Amino acid sequence: LPISVYEEDVQPPSWADASTPPEIQTTIAIDLGGSSGFRIRDLSFRYYSQAGVHGLSDMNSSSADLLSSTTDIRIEGCEFLYTGANGVDIARWTAPAEVDAGNRISGCAFRGQTSQAITLRTTGTEVSCNTISDIGRLEDYPRFGMTQSAYTVNDQGMSVVSEMGDRNKILFNRFERTASAGLSFRSPDTLIAFNVFHNACYTKSDCGAIHSYTWDDSAQWNSPSVSGSLVARNVILETIGATEGGSASDGWISPLGQGMFLDYGAH
């Protein structure tokens, strides 16, 4: 099986500062590009350094990708173990909001990703009946920390991030021991129901098992927010909120973990 590797020795080039990390050669098991209509079933993905499955298309005027790109993808019954920053990462940048991608990630097991088990930037995608555990744990990081993640330090360890895509469905999943939020959703008409969250905010503080964030520095409170979304019939147990995840300069002396955390821009 492919494993996470460094391109050269773990020492930086002789002309670089001693603390400079080496160039990293990352590995992806299946890179779909902008392909559509794929069925990925009953496979075990282990020890990749970027992602198990990656798919990316862009609908901007200079792109050759079509409106049908990165759609109708089914990932079912697979196992993703220690696959770098991400397990599954699929995106349709600048895609029209009214066009459903119709993707589905179902019946899979995710464990040991350093940032997200699943990242979505798609519309009309279903994430259902998955088990997701031990995401973003510090003890699983490589020597030079997390690599190949599109997210800031605030988002690392949020095990599922559903961003920039309307009408996504997150159903019947089990989340356990996630460094930050179990789920962070950032767009309208999201359905979140019948999930179990246990031990969210396992490493970080100032977070919640279910989290939303839609702040736009230019639009601020006029951003689309999470309007039309439904969060119902989920079970949330023992959200921790580790004190180490906060800032000592803020004077936090107790864990700060919420069941549900409606962050900036949720109105």
Protein backbone atom coordinates (compact mmCIF):
# COMPACT_ATOMS: atom_id res chain seq x y z
CA LEU A 1 0.00 0.00 0.00
CA PRO A 2 1.22 3.56 -0.63
CA ILE A 3 2.34 5.36 2.49
CA SER A 4 3.02 8.95 3.47
CA VAL A 5 6.54 9.83 2.35
CA TYR A 6 8.95 12.75 2.28
CA GLU A 7 10.50 13.57 -1.07
CA GLU A 8 13.94 13.89 0.48
CA ASP A 9 15.49 13.24 3.87
CA VAL A 10 13.68 14.88 6.77
CA GLN A 11 16.42 17.52 6.95
CA PRO A 12 15.77 20.83 5.13
CA PRO A 13 18.10 21.96 2.30
CA SER A 14 21.50 23.20 3.48
CA TRP A 15 20.70 26.80 2.52
CA ALA A 16 17.41 26.91 4.41
CA ASP A 17 16.73 27.70 8.02
CA ALA A 18 17.04 24.65 10.27
CA SER A 19 13.35 24.83 11.17
CA THR A 20 12.21 24.73 7.52
CA PRO A 21 10.14 21.61 6.78
CA PRO A 22 11.18 19.51 3.78
CA GLU A 23 9.18 19.37 0.60
CA ILE A 24 6.45 16.80 1.01
CA GLN A 25 5.30 14.43 -1.69
CA THR A 26 1.66 13.74 -0.93
CA THR A 27 -0.37 10.74 -1.99
CA ILE A 28 -4.03 10.36 -2.99
CA ALA A 29 -5.61 6.96 -3.51
CA ILE A 30 -8.22 7.95 -6.12
CA ASP A 31 -8.11 11.38 -7.74
CA LEU A 32 -11.34 11.85 -9.69
CA GLY A 33 -10.48 15.28 -11.02
CA GLY A 34 -13.77 16.57 -12.41
CA SER A 35 -15.10 13.13 -13.30
CA SER A 36 -18.71 12.09 -12.66
CA GLY A 37 -20.74 8.91 -12.35
CA PHE A 38 -18.14 6.94 -10.38
CA ARG A 39 -19.06 4.10 -8.00
CA ILE A 40 -16.44 3.39 -5.31
CA ARG A 41 -17.43 0.47 -3.10
CA ASP A 42 -15.97 -1.93 -0.52
CA LEU A 43 -12.39 -0.64 -0.61
CA SER A 44 -9.96 -0.02 2.23
CA PHE A 45 -7.86 3.15 1.99
CA ARG A 46 -4.87 3.29 4.35
CA TYR A 47 -1.88 5.53 5.04
CA TYR A 48 -2.16 8.08 2.28
CA SER A 49 -0.78 11.51 3.11
CA GLN A 50 -3.41 13.78 1.51
CA ALA A 51 -6.74 12.00 0.96
CA GLY A 52 -8.39 8.69 0.14
CA VAL A 53 -10.73 10.11 -2.53
CA HIS A 54 -10.36 13.58 -4.01
CA GLY A 55 -12.54 15.24 -6.66
CA LEU A 56 -12.39 18.83 -7.81
CA SER A 57 -14.03 20.83 -10.58
CA ASP A 58 -14.40 24.53 -11.22
CA MET A 59 -17.19 26.16 -13.19
CA ASN A 60 -15.52 29.52 -13.78
CA SER A 61 -15.35 31.00 -17.27
CA SER A 62 -11.75 29.95 -17.87
CA SER A 63 -12.26 26.33 -16.82
CA ALA A 64 -12.83 23.38 -19.14
CA ASP A 65 -14.98 21.65 -16.52
CA LEU A 66 -18.65 21.14 -17.40
CA LEU A 67 -21.74 21.68 -15.28
CA SER A 68 -21.96 17.90 -14.91
CA SER A 69 -18.45 17.67 -13.39
CA THR A 70 -18.04 16.07 -9.93
CA THR A 71 -21.63 14.85 -9.83
CA ASP A 72 -23.36 11.48 -9.33
CA ILE A 73 -20.47 10.06 -7.28
CA ARG A 74 -21.21 7.18 -4.87
CA ILE A 75 -18.72 6.21 -2.17
CA GLU A 76 -20.20 3.31 -0.22
CA GLY A 77 -19.02 0.68 2.26
CA CYS A 78 -15.40 1.85 2.25
CA GLU A 79 -12.84 2.22 5.04
CA PHE A 80 -10.56 5.26 5.36
CA LEU A 81 -7.75 4.80 7.91
CA TYR A 82 -5.11 7.49 8.53
CA THR A 83 -5.41 9.04 5.07
CA GLY A 84 -3.65 12.31 5.85
CA ALA A 85 -5.61 15.50 6.29
CA ASN A 86 -8.77 14.19 4.58
CA GLY A 87 -10.70 11.01 3.98
CA VAL A 88 -12.98 12.24 1.18
CA ASP A 89 -12.66 15.74 -0.31
CA ILE A 90 -15.04 16.69 -3.13
CA ALA A 91 -15.69 20.17 -4.44
CA ARG A 92 -17.49 21.98 -7.25
CA TRP A 93 -16.05 25.50 -7.07
CA THR A 94 -18.29 28.30 -8.41
CA ALA A 95 -20.98 25.79 -9.36
CA PRO A 96 -24.49 27.26 -9.67
CA ALA A 97 -26.42 26.74 -6.44
CA GLU A 98 -29.51 25.46 -8.21
CA VAL A 99 -27.68 22.47 -9.76
CA ASP A 100 -27.58 19.43 -7.44
CA ALA A 101 -24.42 17.35 -7.48
CA GLY A 102 -26.32 14.26 -6.35
CA ASN A 103 -23.27 12.70 -4.67
CA ARG A 104 -23.52 10.22 -1.78
CA ILE A 105 -21.05 9.03 0.88
CA SER A 106 -22.68 6.21 2.81
CA GLY A 107 -21.86 3.26 5.05
CA CYS A 108 -18.15 4.12 5.35
CA ALA A 109 -15.77 4.13 8.30
CA PHE A 110 -13.33 7.02 8.84
CA ARG A 111 -10.56 7.06 11.44
CA GLY A 112 -7.37 8.98 12.11
CA GLN A 113 -7.59 11.85 9.61
CA THR A 114 -5.61 14.86 10.86
CA SER A 115 -8.15 17.47 9.76
CA GLN A 116 -11.44 16.35 8.17
CA ALA A 117 -12.96 12.96 7.55
CA ILE A 118 -15.18 14.52 4.85
CA THR A 119 -15.07 17.95 3.22
CA LEU A 120 -17.92 19.01 0.92
CA ARG A 121 -18.22 22.00 -1.35
CA THR A 122 -21.14 20.61 -3.32
CA THR A 123 -24.91 20.96 -3.53
CA GLY A 124 -27.45 18.23 -2.88
CA THR A 125 -24.96 15.72 -1.46
CA GLU A 126 -25.90 13.05 1.10
CA VAL A 127 -23.60 11.87 3.91
CA SER A 128 -25.33 8.99 5.69
CA CYS A 129 -24.76 5.95 7.91
CA ASN A 130 -21.01 6.52 8.36
CA THR A 131 -18.91 6.01 11.50
CA ILE A 132 -16.33 8.72 12.09
CA SER A 133 -13.84 8.61 14.96
CA ASP A 134 -10.49 9.92 16.24
CA ILE A 135 -10.28 12.91 13.89
CA GLY A 136 -7.62 15.59 14.39
CA ARG A 137 -5.86 13.92 17.33
CA LEU A 138 -2.47 15.47 18.06
CA GLU A 139 -0.86 12.06 18.55
CA ASP A 140 -1.61 11.20 14.91
CA TYR A 141 0.16 14.24 13.45
CA PRO A 142 3.42 13.75 11.51
CA ARG A 143 6.60 15.53 12.54
CA PHE A 144 5.81 18.72 10.65
CA GLY A 145 2.17 18.91 11.64
CA MET A 146 -0.85 18.73 9.38
CA THR A 147 -0.30 19.15 5.65
CA GLN A 148 -2.52 19.51 2.61
CA SER A 149 -5.60 20.95 4.26
CA ALA A 150 -7.61 23.77 2.75
CA TYR A 151 -8.74 24.94 6.15
CA THR A 152 -7.36 27.33 8.73
CA VAL A 153 -6.18 26.33 12.15
CA ASN A 154 -9.66 27.12 13.50
CA ASP A 155 -11.25 24.47 11.27
CA GLN A 156 -8.72 21.69 11.70
CA GLY A 157 -10.23 18.72 13.50
CA MET A 158 -13.84 19.48 12.48
CA SER A 159 -14.55 16.00 11.22
CA VAL A 160 -17.20 16.88 8.59
CA VAL A 161 -17.27 20.33 6.97
CA SER A 162 -20.19 21.06 4.63
CA GLU A 163 -19.40 24.38 3.00
CA MET A 164 -20.54 26.38 -0.01
CA GLY A 165 -23.29 23.99 -0.98
CA ASP A 166 -27.04 24.17 -0.45
CA ARG A 167 -29.35 21.24 0.31
CA ASN A 168 -26.78 18.82 1.71
CA LYS A 169 -28.08 16.03 3.97
CA ILE A 170 -26.17 14.66 6.97
CA LEU A 171 -28.13 11.65 8.28
CA PHE A 172 -27.69 8.62 10.59
CA ASN A 173 -23.93 9.09 11.18
CA ARG A 174 -21.98 8.35 14.37
CA PHE A 175 -19.21 10.74 15.42
CA GLU A 176 -16.84 9.87 18.25
CA ARG A 177 -13.73 11.60 19.62
CA THR A 178 -13.36 14.50 17.22
CA ALA A 179 -10.74 17.13 18.04
CA SER A 180 -13.12 20.00 17.32
CA ALA A 181 -16.72 20.01 16.06
CA GLY A 182 -18.21 16.77 14.83
CA LEU A 183 -19.99 18.66 12.05
CA SER A 184 -19.66 22.21 10.74
CA PHE A 185 -22.22 23.38 8.18
CA ARG A 186 -22.14 26.75 6.42
CA SER A 187 -24.93 27.00 3.85
CA PRO A 188 -28.72 27.13 3.50
CA ASP A 189 -31.23 24.28 3.47
CA THR A 190 -28.96 21.75 5.17
CA LEU A 191 -30.68 18.76 6.80
CA ILE A 192 -28.96 17.31 9.89
CA ALA A 193 -30.90 14.53 11.58
CA PHE A 194 -30.60 11.20 13.44
CA ASN A 195 -26.84 11.55 14.09
CA VAL A 196 -24.98 10.62 17.29
CA PHE A 197 -22.14 12.82 18.55
CA HIS A 198 -19.96 11.54 21.39
CA ASN A 199 -16.90 13.33 22.78
CA ALA A 200 -16.78 16.28 20.39
CA CYS A 201 -14.20 19.00 21.15
CA TYR A 202 -11.89 16.24 22.36
CA THR A 203 -8.73 18.33 21.87
CA LYS A 204 -9.95 21.88 21.26
CA SER A 205 -12.05 24.33 23.19
CA ASP A 206 -14.52 27.03 22.10
CA CYS A 207 -16.49 24.66 19.84
CA GLY A 208 -19.53 22.42 19.73
CA ALA A 209 -20.63 19.01 18.47
CA ILE A 210 -22.74 20.69 15.75
CA HIS A 211 -21.33 23.99 14.53
CA SER A 212 -22.30 26.62 11.97
CA TYR A 213 -20.23 29.51 10.61
CA THR A 214 -21.22 31.76 7.72
CA TRP A 215 -19.47 35.04 8.44
CA ASP A 216 -18.41 36.93 5.32
CA ASP A 217 -16.05 39.83 5.96
CA SER A 218 -17.57 41.79 3.09
CA ALA A 219 -21.25 40.91 3.55
CA GLN A 220 -21.10 40.30 7.30
CA TRP A 221 -24.66 39.77 8.56
CA ASN A 222 -26.04 39.95 5.01
CA SER A 223 -24.41 36.65 3.99
CA PRO A 224 -26.79 33.76 3.08
CA SER A 225 -26.36 32.17 6.52
CA VAL A 226 -27.94 28.76 7.23
CA SER A 227 -31.52 29.78 6.45
CA GLY A 228 -33.96 26.94 5.78
CA SER A 229 -31.77 24.38 7.55
CA LEU A 230 -33.23 21.77 9.89
CA VAL A 231 -31.35 20.23 12.81
CA ALA A 232 -33.51 17.57 14.46
CA ARG A 233 -33.44 14.30 16.42
CA ASN A 234 -29.69 14.12 16.98
CA VAL A 235 -28.10 12.72 20.14
CA ILE A 236 -25.17 14.69 21.61
CA LEU A 237 -23.25 13.18 24.55
CA GLU A 238 -20.32 14.43 26.61
CA THR A 239 -18.99 17.33 24.57
CA ILE A 240 -15.67 17.95 26.29
CA GLY A 241 -14.02 21.24 25.28
CA ALA A 242 -10.45 20.69 26.39
CA THR A 243 -8.90 23.59 28.30
CA GLU A 244 -5.71 23.19 26.26
CA GLY A 245 -7.64 24.27 23.17
CA GLY A 246 -8.20 27.77 24.52
CA SER A 247 -5.79 30.63 24.97
CA ALA A 248 -4.07 31.00 28.31
CA SER A 249 -3.98 34.76 27.78
CA ASP A 250 -7.79 34.76 27.69
CA GLY A 251 -7.84 33.44 31.22
CA TRP A 252 -9.95 30.36 30.46
CA ILE A 253 -9.92 28.06 33.44
CA SER A 254 -12.61 25.58 32.45
CA PRO A 255 -13.47 23.63 29.28
CA LEU A 256 -15.67 25.41 26.75
CA GLY A 257 -17.63 22.85 24.75
CA GLN A 258 -21.21 23.20 23.56
CA GLY A 259 -23.81 20.77 22.29
CA MET A 260 -24.59 23.09 19.37
CA PHE A 261 -22.55 26.19 18.55
CA LEU A 262 -24.09 28.80 16.23
CA ASP A 263 -21.05 30.87 15.36
CA TYR A 264 -20.66 34.14 13.43
CA GLY A 265 -23.15 34.76 10.64
CA ALA A 266 -25.83 32.36 11.86
CA HIS A 267 -29.03 34.35 12.03
